[in-house]
Amino acid sequence: MKVARTRVPNQCAFDEMVGANLQYMRKYRKISMQKVAEQIPFTFQQLQKYEKGKNTVSAYKLLKLCNIYKTNIAEIIKETFIETHQNSLTYTEEIKPVHVEHIDRQLNR
């Protein structure tokens, strides 16, 4: 007799959070589900289930996904991952390099 596996509520919430982080990074990197699925390999439907938190992603597959998205597991499993990533992008976009020649010209006017 086969026993059905069940997930506890905390595991479901964790899977949903990790899935949302994975989906965010896939879209940020502008990679289609099909392209990701071909690299792992599994179906894009399986990736869709991971991103929606319907299935738990194994550590091995999570590592492979993180390598594709150029991030690491320690970051992708943080609850604040998306917010932290967006804040780092905003910060770096606001800082524009200033060229010394430009400053010199303005001072010599």
Protein backbone atom coordinates (compact mmCIF):
# COMPACT_ATOMS: atom_id res chain seq x y z
CA MET A 1 0.00 0.00 0.00
CA LYS A 2 1.41 3.35 -1.04
CA VAL A 3 1.30 6.15 1.54
CA ALA A 4 0.52 9.62 0.23
CA ARG A 5 3.15 12.24 0.96
CA THR A 6 1.84 15.45 2.41
CA ARG A 7 3.51 18.77 2.97
CA VAL A 8 3.11 20.73 6.18
CA PRO A 9 1.88 24.35 5.96
CA ASN A 10 5.35 25.78 6.68
CA GLN A 11 6.83 23.72 3.86
CA CYS A 12 4.12 24.94 1.46
CA ALA A 13 4.82 28.57 2.38
CA PHE A 14 8.56 28.03 1.94
CA ASP A 15 8.04 26.37 -1.46
CA GLU A 16 5.86 29.29 -2.58
CA MET A 17 8.48 31.83 -1.47
CA VAL A 18 11.34 29.99 -3.19
CA GLY A 19 9.17 29.55 -6.28
CA ALA A 20 8.41 33.27 -6.40
CA ASN A 21 12.14 34.04 -6.08
CA LEU A 22 12.95 31.59 -8.89
CA GLN A 23 10.28 33.09 -11.13
CA TYR A 24 11.54 36.60 -10.40
CA MET A 25 15.10 35.66 -11.37
CA ARG A 26 14.00 33.84 -14.52
CA LYS A 27 12.03 36.87 -15.66
CA TYR A 28 14.83 39.24 -14.62
CA ARG A 29 17.28 37.22 -16.74
CA LYS A 30 14.68 37.15 -19.57
CA ILE A 31 14.83 33.39 -19.99
CA SER A 32 11.77 31.45 -21.10
CA MET A 33 10.49 28.49 -19.11
CA GLN A 34 11.19 26.27 -22.09
CA LYS A 35 14.86 27.33 -22.28
CA VAL A 36 15.36 26.70 -18.57
CA ALA A 37 13.61 23.33 -18.74
CA GLU A 38 15.85 22.24 -21.61
CA GLN A 39 18.99 23.01 -19.59
CA ILE A 40 18.04 21.06 -16.42
CA PRO A 41 16.35 18.88 -18.09
CA PHE A 42 12.71 18.65 -17.06
CA THR A 43 9.47 19.90 -18.55
CA PHE A 44 8.42 23.52 -18.43
CA GLN A 45 5.30 22.30 -16.62
CA GLN A 46 7.53 21.04 -13.79
CA LEU A 47 9.28 24.42 -13.64
CA GLN A 48 5.86 26.07 -13.54
CA LYS A 49 4.93 23.92 -10.52
CA TYR A 50 8.17 24.89 -8.76
CA GLU A 51 7.57 28.59 -9.44
CA LYS A 52 4.02 28.40 -8.11
CA GLY A 53 5.13 26.44 -5.04
CA LYS A 54 2.99 23.43 -5.94
CA ASN A 55 6.00 21.07 -5.86
CA THR A 56 9.11 21.09 -3.71
CA VAL A 57 12.29 21.59 -5.74
CA SER A 58 15.16 19.26 -4.83
CA ALA A 59 18.46 20.73 -3.64
CA TYR A 60 20.19 19.44 -6.79
CA LYS A 61 17.68 21.07 -9.14
CA LEU A 62 17.68 24.26 -7.08
CA LEU A 63 21.47 24.44 -7.43
CA LYS A 64 21.18 23.96 -11.20
CA LEU A 65 18.50 26.67 -11.42
CA CYS A 66 20.64 29.06 -9.37
CA ASN A 67 23.57 28.45 -11.71
CA ILE A 68 21.39 29.28 -14.73
CA TYR A 69 20.10 32.45 -13.03
CA LYS A 70 23.60 33.41 -11.82
CA THR A 71 22.66 33.53 -8.14
CA ASN A 72 23.26 31.24 -5.19
CA ILE A 73 21.05 29.07 -3.03
CA ALA A 74 21.74 31.07 0.13
CA GLU A 75 20.26 34.16 -1.55
CA ILE A 76 17.35 32.50 -3.36
CA ILE A 77 15.94 30.99 -0.15
CA LYS A 78 15.78 34.32 1.69
CA GLU A 79 12.34 35.79 2.26
CA THR A 80 13.66 39.25 1.38
CA PHE A 81 15.42 38.13 -1.83
CA ILE A 82 13.24 40.03 -4.34
CA GLU A 83 13.16 43.23 -2.29
CA THR A 84 16.92 43.11 -1.69
CA HIS A 85 17.62 42.45 -5.38
CA GLN A 86 15.36 45.30 -6.52
CA ASN A 87 16.92 47.70 -4.02
CA SER A 88 20.42 46.82 -5.21
CA LEU A 89 19.36 47.54 -8.81
CA THR A 90 17.82 50.88 -7.89
CA TYR A 91 20.93 51.88 -5.97
CA THR A 92 23.34 51.04 -8.78
CA GLU A 93 21.17 52.73 -11.40
CA GLU A 94 21.10 55.98 -9.41
CA ILE A 95 24.87 56.17 -9.14
CA LYS A 96 26.33 57.30 -12.42
CA PRO A 97 30.04 57.59 -12.97
CA VAL A 98 31.36 61.13 -12.98
CA HIS A 99 34.23 61.86 -15.31
CA VAL A 100 36.98 64.07 -13.96
CA GLU A 101 37.31 65.95 -17.26
CA HIS A 102 33.66 67.00 -17.03
CA ILE A 103 34.19 68.41 -13.52
CA ASP A 104 37.38 70.22 -14.58
CA ARG A 105 35.55 71.92 -17.47
CA GLN A 106 32.77 73.12 -15.18
CA LEU A 107 35.23 74.48 -12.62
CA ASN A 108 37.28 76.36 -15.23
CA ARG A 109 34.31 78.28 -16.64
